[in-house]
Amino acid sequence: KEDSKIVKNNSVKTINEIVLRESFVDSTTIGIKGKYKVELNSYNNLDSTYVEIKLSEKENNHWYLKQKLKLPKDGITSCDAKIIDFNNDKLNDFTFQSSVAARGSNEIRTLLIFEKAFSKLKLITNSGNYPNLQYNEVLNCIDSWMVYGGTSTVFLKIEQDSLREFAGVELFDGYKETYLINKKGEHKTLKKEKIKDLEIYTRFKNFSPLIENKNIL
């Protein structure tokens, strides 16, 4: 009986063991270059996979922890961490792949915007709702490209800790529709017509006039 008890307890310990899956560190390009360091570690156990993100600031040649976040992630994809300026403030932001959908066509990323005033990363809480995020230099915004039975390019603005849709282009069921969305979420069609020469898997940089984005992902 005593031996059985020992085996059972050891089994539980093994099952619940936290395993480091992936690591990422950058101390040269995040935020103000050379002044901040971001670290990402991805862990999993039997129940979940998650990432732990730490942001540190350099003072007197030492790193001081400013922020620590724990965020969910799927157990399938790699984090593929990237440092990109998403809001055109010349300060690099942070993003990692948290999931994937639609047979791999929709890359889901968690976006964190660097805030100089607070020396921290601001989590964009609904960034996971918008796949294939890119900074849009034409409209100085963020856009998302959604793949389903058709495709949609959705144009977004950062408002506080969220992304808000303000316009989009949808290619679906043989039609192309360009539209606006106001702050109340109300949808206004600008133009709807049959698709003629466009490939359904087309992404756009602008909705009026239409400008195609050749860099799909």
C-alpha atoms as a PDB file:
ATOM      1  CA  LYS A   1       0.000   0.000   0.000  1.00  0.00           C
ATOM      2  CA  GLU A   2       2.788   2.396   0.906  1.00  0.00           C
ATOM      3  CA  ASP A   3       4.546   1.667  -2.402  1.00  0.00           C
ATOM      4  CA  SER A   4       1.333   2.333  -4.363  1.00  0.00           C
ATOM      5  CA  LYS A   5       0.939   5.677  -2.678  1.00  0.00           C
ATOM      6  CA  ILE A   6       4.461   6.727  -3.639  1.00  0.00           C
ATOM      7  CA  VAL A   7       3.924   5.756  -7.286  1.00  0.00           C
ATOM      8  CA  LYS A   8       0.648   7.646  -7.428  1.00  0.00           C
ATOM      9  CA  ASN A   9       2.152  10.842  -6.023  1.00  0.00           C
ATOM     10  CA  ASN A  10       5.101  10.667  -8.417  1.00  0.00           C
ATOM     11  CA  SER A  11       2.705  10.251 -11.343  1.00  0.00           C
ATOM     12  CA  VAL A  12       0.806  13.378 -10.364  1.00  0.00           C
ATOM     13  CA  LYS A  13       4.037  15.325 -10.090  1.00  0.00           C
ATOM     14  CA  THR A  14       5.127  14.221 -13.576  1.00  0.00           C
ATOM     15  CA  ILE A  15       1.763  15.052 -15.158  1.00  0.00           C
ATOM     16  CA  ASN A  16       1.666  18.550 -13.643  1.00  0.00           C
ATOM     17  CA  GLU A  17       5.276  19.368 -14.432  1.00  0.00           C
ATOM     18  CA  ILE A  18       5.731  22.739 -16.112  1.00  0.00           C
ATOM     19  CA  VAL A  19       7.857  22.462 -19.243  1.00  0.00           C
ATOM     20  CA  LEU A  20       9.623  25.350 -20.991  1.00  0.00           C
ATOM     21  CA  ARG A  21       8.725  25.139 -24.686  1.00  0.00           C
ATOM     22  CA  GLU A  22      10.245  28.260 -26.213  1.00  0.00           C
ATOM     23  CA  SER A  23      12.226  31.382 -25.263  1.00  0.00           C
ATOM     24  CA  PHE A  24      12.799  34.780 -26.850  1.00  0.00           C
ATOM     25  CA  VAL A  25      14.867  37.769 -25.663  1.00  0.00           C
ATOM     26  CA  ASP A  26      15.445  41.172 -27.241  1.00  0.00           C
ATOM     27  CA  SER A  27      17.386  44.018 -25.613  1.00  0.00           C
ATOM     28  CA  THR A  28      18.229  46.128 -28.654  1.00  0.00           C
ATOM     29  CA  THR A  29      15.068  47.005 -30.604  1.00  0.00           C
ATOM     30  CA  ILE A  30      12.005  46.901 -28.302  1.00  0.00           C
ATOM     31  CA  GLY A  31      10.593  50.329 -27.343  1.00  0.00           C
ATOM     32  CA  ILE A  32      13.456  52.822 -27.120  1.00  0.00           C
ATOM     33  CA  LYS A  33      16.342  50.938 -28.677  1.00  0.00           C
ATOM     34  CA  GLY A  34      18.909  49.728 -26.162  1.00  0.00           C
ATOM     35  CA  LYS A  35      16.975  51.005 -23.131  1.00  0.00           C
ATOM     36  CA  TYR A  36      14.453  48.179 -22.750  1.00  0.00           C
ATOM     37  CA  LYS A  37      14.517  44.405 -22.801  1.00  0.00           C
ATOM     38  CA  VAL A  38      11.616  42.050 -23.488  1.00  0.00           C
ATOM     39  CA  GLU A  39      11.708  38.370 -22.560  1.00  0.00           C
ATOM     40  CA  LEU A  40       9.148  35.751 -23.550  1.00  0.00           C
ATOM     41  CA  ASN A  41       9.012  32.215 -22.224  1.00  0.00           C
ATOM     42  CA  SER A  42       6.367  29.732 -23.336  1.00  0.00           C
ATOM     43  CA  TYR A  43       5.384  26.946 -20.926  1.00  0.00           C
ATOM     44  CA  ASN A  44       2.992  24.045 -20.903  1.00  0.00           C
ATOM     45  CA  ASN A  45       1.686  21.348 -18.589  1.00  0.00           C
ATOM     46  CA  LEU A  46      -1.163  18.864 -18.830  1.00  0.00           C
ATOM     47  CA  ASP A  47      -3.843  21.538 -18.550  1.00  0.00           C
ATOM     48  CA  SER A  48      -2.614  24.528 -20.498  1.00  0.00           C
ATOM     49  CA  THR A  49      -0.016  26.397 -22.496  1.00  0.00           C
ATOM     50  CA  TYR A  50       0.843  29.993 -21.668  1.00  0.00           C
ATOM     51  CA  VAL A  51       3.500  32.639 -22.105  1.00  0.00           C
ATOM     52  CA  GLU A  52       5.217  34.766 -19.519  1.00  0.00           C
ATOM     53  CA  ILE A  53       6.428  38.151 -20.738  1.00  0.00           C
ATOM     54  CA  LYS A  54       8.826  40.397 -18.826  1.00  0.00           C
ATOM     55  CA  LEU A  55       9.737  43.973 -19.723  1.00  0.00           C
ATOM     56  CA  SER A  56      12.857  45.463 -18.101  1.00  0.00           C
ATOM     57  CA  GLU A  57      14.385  48.946 -18.259  1.00  0.00           C
ATOM     58  CA  LYS A  58      18.101  49.682 -18.218  1.00  0.00           C
ATOM     59  CA  GLU A  59      19.310  52.114 -15.551  1.00  0.00           C
ATOM     60  CA  ASN A  60      22.945  52.648 -14.555  1.00  0.00           C
ATOM     61  CA  ASN A  61      23.912  49.638 -16.659  1.00  0.00           C
ATOM     62  CA  HIS A  62      21.509  47.314 -14.790  1.00  0.00           C
ATOM     63  CA  TRP A  63      18.193  45.824 -15.881  1.00  0.00           C
ATOM     64  CA  TYR A  64      15.187  46.510 -13.616  1.00  0.00           C
ATOM     65  CA  LEU A  65      11.952  44.598 -14.060  1.00  0.00           C
ATOM     66  CA  LYS A  66       9.091  46.975 -14.945  1.00  0.00           C
ATOM     67  CA  GLN A  67       6.329  44.575 -15.948  1.00  0.00           C
ATOM     68  CA  LYS A  68       5.405  40.907 -15.922  1.00  0.00           C
ATOM     69  CA  LEU A  69       2.483  39.393 -17.828  1.00  0.00           C
ATOM     70  CA  LYS A  70       1.065  35.889 -18.107  1.00  0.00           C
ATOM     71  CA  LEU A  71      -1.036  35.281 -21.233  1.00  0.00           C
ATOM     72  CA  PRO A  72      -2.738  32.242 -22.790  1.00  0.00           C
ATOM     73  CA  LYS A  73      -1.490  30.482 -25.907  1.00  0.00           C
ATOM     74  CA  ASP A  74      -2.363  27.402 -27.915  1.00  0.00           C
ATOM     75  CA  GLY A  75      -0.167  24.318 -27.626  1.00  0.00           C
ATOM     76  CA  ILE A  76       0.354  23.906 -31.372  1.00  0.00           C
ATOM     77  CA  THR A  77       2.083  26.884 -32.956  1.00  0.00           C
ATOM     78  CA  SER A  78       5.428  28.458 -32.118  1.00  0.00           C
ATOM     79  CA  CYS A  79       5.396  31.948 -30.591  1.00  0.00           C
ATOM     80  CA  ASP A  80       7.217  33.491 -33.575  1.00  0.00           C
ATOM     81  CA  ALA A  81       7.789  36.676 -31.551  1.00  0.00           C
ATOM     82  CA  LYS A  82       8.180  39.853 -33.618  1.00  0.00           C
ATOM     83  CA  ILE A  83       9.124  43.430 -32.794  1.00  0.00           C
ATOM     84  CA  ILE A  84       7.374  45.878 -35.135  1.00  0.00           C
ATOM     85  CA  ASP A  85       6.060  49.440 -34.848  1.00  0.00           C
ATOM     86  CA  PHE A  86       2.297  49.023 -35.116  1.00  0.00           C
ATOM     87  CA  ASN A  87       1.199  52.606 -34.353  1.00  0.00           C
ATOM     88  CA  ASN A  88       3.832  54.678 -36.178  1.00  0.00           C
ATOM     89  CA  ASP A  89       5.235  56.357 -33.051  1.00  0.00           C
ATOM     90  CA  LYS A  90       8.777  55.217 -33.982  1.00  0.00           C
ATOM     91  CA  LEU A  91       8.834  52.916 -30.936  1.00  0.00           C
ATOM     92  CA  ASN A  92       8.807  49.187 -31.582  1.00  0.00           C
ATOM     93  CA  ASP A  93       5.938  47.103 -30.228  1.00  0.00           C
ATOM     94  CA  PHE A  94       5.743  43.394 -29.453  1.00  0.00           C
ATOM     95  CA  THR A  95       3.622  40.601 -30.870  1.00  0.00           C
ATOM     96  CA  PHE A  96       3.578  36.813 -30.672  1.00  0.00           C
ATOM     97  CA  GLN A  97       1.530  34.092 -32.341  1.00  0.00           C
ATOM     98  CA  SER A  98      -1.060  32.813 -29.892  1.00  0.00           C
ATOM     99  CA  SER A  99      -3.190  30.614 -32.161  1.00  0.00           C
ATOM    100  CA  VAL A 100      -4.111  29.705 -35.718  1.00  0.00           C
ATOM    101  CA  ALA A 101      -7.465  29.162 -37.417  1.00  0.00           C
ATOM    102  CA  ALA A 102      -9.046  28.179 -40.753  1.00  0.00           C
ATOM    103  CA  ARG A 103      -6.536  25.495 -41.712  1.00  0.00           C
ATOM    104  CA  GLY A 104      -3.566  27.744 -41.094  1.00  0.00           C
ATOM    105  CA  SER A 105      -4.732  30.700 -43.208  1.00  0.00           C
ATOM    106  CA  ASN A 106      -5.585  32.906 -40.215  1.00  0.00           C
ATOM    107  CA  GLU A 107      -2.600  33.616 -37.996  1.00  0.00           C
ATOM    108  CA  ILE A 108      -3.786  34.832 -34.603  1.00  0.00           C
ATOM    109  CA  ARG A 109      -1.427  37.150 -32.721  1.00  0.00           C
ATOM    110  CA  THR A 110      -1.472  38.866 -29.364  1.00  0.00           C
ATOM    111  CA  LEU A 111      -0.389  42.482 -29.740  1.00  0.00           C
ATOM    112  CA  LEU A 112       1.293  44.580 -27.050  1.00  0.00           C
ATOM    113  CA  ILE A 113       1.944  48.272 -27.722  1.00  0.00           C
ATOM    114  CA  PHE A 114       4.970  49.904 -26.083  1.00  0.00           C
ATOM    115  CA  GLU A 115       3.997  52.954 -24.014  1.00  0.00           C
ATOM    116  CA  LYS A 116       6.924  55.294 -23.394  1.00  0.00           C
ATOM    117  CA  ALA A 117       5.068  57.363 -20.776  1.00  0.00           C
ATOM    118  CA  PHE A 118       4.567  54.339 -18.511  1.00  0.00           C
ATOM    119  CA  SER A 119       7.590  52.214 -19.516  1.00  0.00           C
ATOM    120  CA  LYS A 120       5.323  49.261 -20.169  1.00  0.00           C
ATOM    121  CA  LEU A 121       3.612  47.161 -22.816  1.00  0.00           C
ATOM    122  CA  LYS A 122      -0.129  47.748 -23.243  1.00  0.00           C
ATOM    123  CA  LEU A 123      -2.037  44.578 -24.046  1.00  0.00           C
ATOM    124  CA  ILE A 124      -4.493  45.046 -26.917  1.00  0.00           C
ATOM    125  CA  THR A 125      -7.222  42.895 -25.457  1.00  0.00           C
ATOM    126  CA  ASN A 126      -9.097  42.012 -28.656  1.00  0.00           C
ATOM    127  CA  SER A 127      -6.113  41.595 -31.007  1.00  0.00           C
ATOM    128  CA  GLY A 128      -6.826  37.861 -31.106  1.00  0.00           C
ATOM    129  CA  ASN A 129     -10.127  38.596 -32.870  1.00  0.00           C
ATOM    130  CA  TYR A 130      -8.313  39.933 -35.930  1.00  0.00           C
ATOM    131  CA  PRO A 131      -6.059  37.508 -37.833  1.00  0.00           C
ATOM    132  CA  ASN A 132      -3.024  38.354 -39.961  1.00  0.00           C
ATOM    133  CA  LEU A 133      -2.437  41.800 -38.448  1.00  0.00           C
ATOM    134  CA  GLN A 134      -0.227  44.301 -40.275  1.00  0.00           C
ATOM    135  CA  TYR A 135       0.641  47.954 -39.877  1.00  0.00           C
ATOM    136  CA  ASN A 136      -0.958  49.872 -42.765  1.00  0.00           C
ATOM    137  CA  GLU A 137       1.307  52.690 -43.939  1.00  0.00           C
ATOM    138  CA  VAL A 138      -1.249  54.042 -46.447  1.00  0.00           C
ATOM    139  CA  LEU A 139      -3.934  54.806 -43.845  1.00  0.00           C
ATOM    140  CA  ASN A 140      -1.648  54.913 -40.788  1.00  0.00           C
ATOM    141  CA  CYS A 141      -3.699  52.249 -39.064  1.00  0.00           C
ATOM    142  CA  ILE A 142      -3.682  48.490 -38.516  1.00  0.00           C
ATOM    143  CA  ASP A 143      -5.417  46.111 -40.866  1.00  0.00           C
ATOM    144  CA  SER A 144      -6.488  42.500 -40.574  1.00  0.00           C
ATOM    145  CA  TRP A 145      -7.035  39.938 -43.317  1.00  0.00           C
ATOM    146  CA  MET A 146      -9.678  37.309 -42.593  1.00  0.00           C
ATOM    147  CA  VAL A 147      -9.995  34.104 -44.609  1.00  0.00           C
ATOM    148  CA  TYR A 148     -13.214  32.011 -44.546  1.00  0.00           C
ATOM    149  CA  GLY A 149     -15.586  31.139 -47.398  1.00  0.00           C
ATOM    150  CA  GLY A 150     -14.463  34.502 -48.736  1.00  0.00           C
ATOM    151  CA  THR A 151     -11.993  37.110 -47.500  1.00  0.00           C
ATOM    152  CA  SER A 152     -12.221  40.441 -45.687  1.00  0.00           C
ATOM    153  CA  THR A 153      -9.683  43.197 -45.177  1.00  0.00           C
ATOM    154  CA  VAL A 154     -10.657  45.068 -42.023  1.00  0.00           C
ATOM    155  CA  PHE A 155      -9.173  48.473 -41.158  1.00  0.00           C
ATOM    156  CA  LEU A 156      -8.643  49.183 -37.460  1.00  0.00           C
ATOM    157  CA  LYS A 157      -7.679  51.977 -35.087  1.00  0.00           C
ATOM    158  CA  ILE A 158      -6.148  51.551 -31.641  1.00  0.00           C
ATOM    159  CA  GLU A 159      -8.445  53.075 -29.041  1.00  0.00           C
ATOM    160  CA  GLN A 160      -7.292  52.716 -25.445  1.00  0.00           C
ATOM    161  CA  ASP A 161      -6.602  48.962 -25.074  1.00  0.00           C
ATOM    162  CA  SER A 162      -8.655  47.743 -28.058  1.00  0.00           C
ATOM    163  CA  LEU A 163      -8.839  47.681 -31.833  1.00  0.00           C
ATOM    164  CA  ARG A 164     -11.891  49.350 -33.386  1.00  0.00           C
ATOM    165  CA  GLU A 165     -13.064  48.632 -36.934  1.00  0.00           C
ATOM    166  CA  PHE A 166     -13.739  51.695 -39.076  1.00  0.00           C
ATOM    167  CA  ALA A 167     -13.839  50.300 -42.628  1.00  0.00           C
ATOM    168  CA  GLY A 168     -13.434  47.141 -44.661  1.00  0.00           C
ATOM    169  CA  VAL A 169     -13.533  45.329 -47.979  1.00  0.00           C
ATOM    170  CA  GLU A 170     -15.273  41.966 -48.246  1.00  0.00           C
ATOM    171  CA  LEU A 171     -15.050  39.503 -51.144  1.00  0.00           C
ATOM    172  CA  PHE A 172     -17.767  36.910 -50.695  1.00  0.00           C
ATOM    173  CA  ASP A 173     -20.344  34.951 -52.652  1.00  0.00           C
ATOM    174  CA  GLY A 174     -19.319  36.568 -55.948  1.00  0.00           C
ATOM    175  CA  TYR A 175     -19.588  40.141 -54.636  1.00  0.00           C
ATOM    176  CA  LYS A 176     -17.176  42.852 -53.522  1.00  0.00           C
ATOM    177  CA  GLU A 177     -18.403  45.194 -50.805  1.00  0.00           C
ATOM    178  CA  THR A 178     -16.646  48.240 -49.362  1.00  0.00           C
ATOM    179  CA  TYR A 179     -18.082  49.640 -46.158  1.00  0.00           C
ATOM    180  CA  LEU A 180     -17.642  51.953 -43.188  1.00  0.00           C
ATOM    181  CA  ILE A 181     -18.295  51.198 -39.516  1.00  0.00           C
ATOM    182  CA  ASN A 182     -18.956  54.047 -37.068  1.00  0.00           C
ATOM    183  CA  LYS A 183     -18.082  54.141 -33.379  1.00  0.00           C
ATOM    184  CA  LYS A 184     -21.434  52.603 -32.498  1.00  0.00           C
ATOM    185  CA  GLY A 185     -20.607  49.580 -34.669  1.00  0.00           C
ATOM    186  CA  GLU A 186     -23.145  50.530 -37.331  1.00  0.00           C
ATOM    187  CA  HIS A 187     -22.349  49.286 -40.833  1.00  0.00           C
ATOM    188  CA  LYS A 188     -22.703  51.528 -43.924  1.00  0.00           C
ATOM    189  CA  THR A 189     -22.135  50.078 -47.407  1.00  0.00           C
ATOM    190  CA  LEU A 190     -20.213  52.383 -49.728  1.00  0.00           C
ATOM    191  CA  LYS A 191     -20.337  50.116 -52.768  1.00  0.00           C
ATOM    192  CA  LYS A 192     -21.366  46.569 -53.572  1.00  0.00           C
ATOM    193  CA  GLU A 193     -20.829  44.994 -56.960  1.00  0.00           C
ATOM    194  CA  LYS A 194     -20.033  41.698 -58.612  1.00  0.00           C
ATOM    195  CA  ILE A 195     -16.417  40.570 -58.507  1.00  0.00           C
ATOM    196  CA  LYS A 196     -14.909  40.813 -61.976  1.00  0.00           C
ATOM    197  CA  ASP A 197     -11.146  40.648 -62.225  1.00  0.00           C
ATOM    198  CA  LEU A 198     -10.227  40.222 -58.556  1.00  0.00           C
ATOM    199  CA  GLU A 199      -8.906  37.002 -57.049  1.00  0.00           C
ATOM    200  CA  ILE A 200     -10.946  36.157 -53.955  1.00  0.00           C
ATOM    201  CA  TYR A 201      -7.743  35.886 -51.893  1.00  0.00           C
ATOM    202  CA  THR A 202      -6.933  39.581 -52.325  1.00  0.00           C
ATOM    203  CA  ARG A 203      -5.840  41.827 -49.475  1.00  0.00           C
ATOM    204  CA  PHE A 204      -6.157  45.608 -49.628  1.00  0.00           C
ATOM    205  CA  LYS A 205      -4.188  48.633 -48.382  1.00  0.00           C
ATOM    206  CA  ASN A 206      -7.069  51.045 -48.909  1.00  0.00           C
ATOM    207  CA  PHE A 207     -10.828  50.878 -49.361  1.00  0.00           C
ATOM    208  CA  SER A 208     -11.464  54.182 -51.210  1.00  0.00           C
ATOM    209  CA  PRO A 209      -9.918  54.024 -53.716  1.00  0.00           C
ATOM    210  CA  LEU A 210      -9.165  50.302 -53.662  1.00  0.00           C
ATOM    211  CA  ILE A 211      -5.452  49.542 -53.466  1.00  0.00           C
ATOM    212  CA  GLU A 212      -4.303  45.934 -53.407  1.00  0.00           C
ATOM    213  CA  ASN A 213      -1.753  44.737 -50.859  1.00  0.00           C
ATOM    214  CA  LYS A 214       0.707  42.379 -52.523  1.00  0.00           C
ATOM    215  CA  ASN A 215       2.268  41.424 -49.186  1.00  0.00           C
ATOM    216  CA  ILE A 216      -0.605  39.169 -48.053  1.00  0.00           C
ATOM    217  CA  LEU A 217       0.861  37.896 -44.749  1.00  0.00           C
END
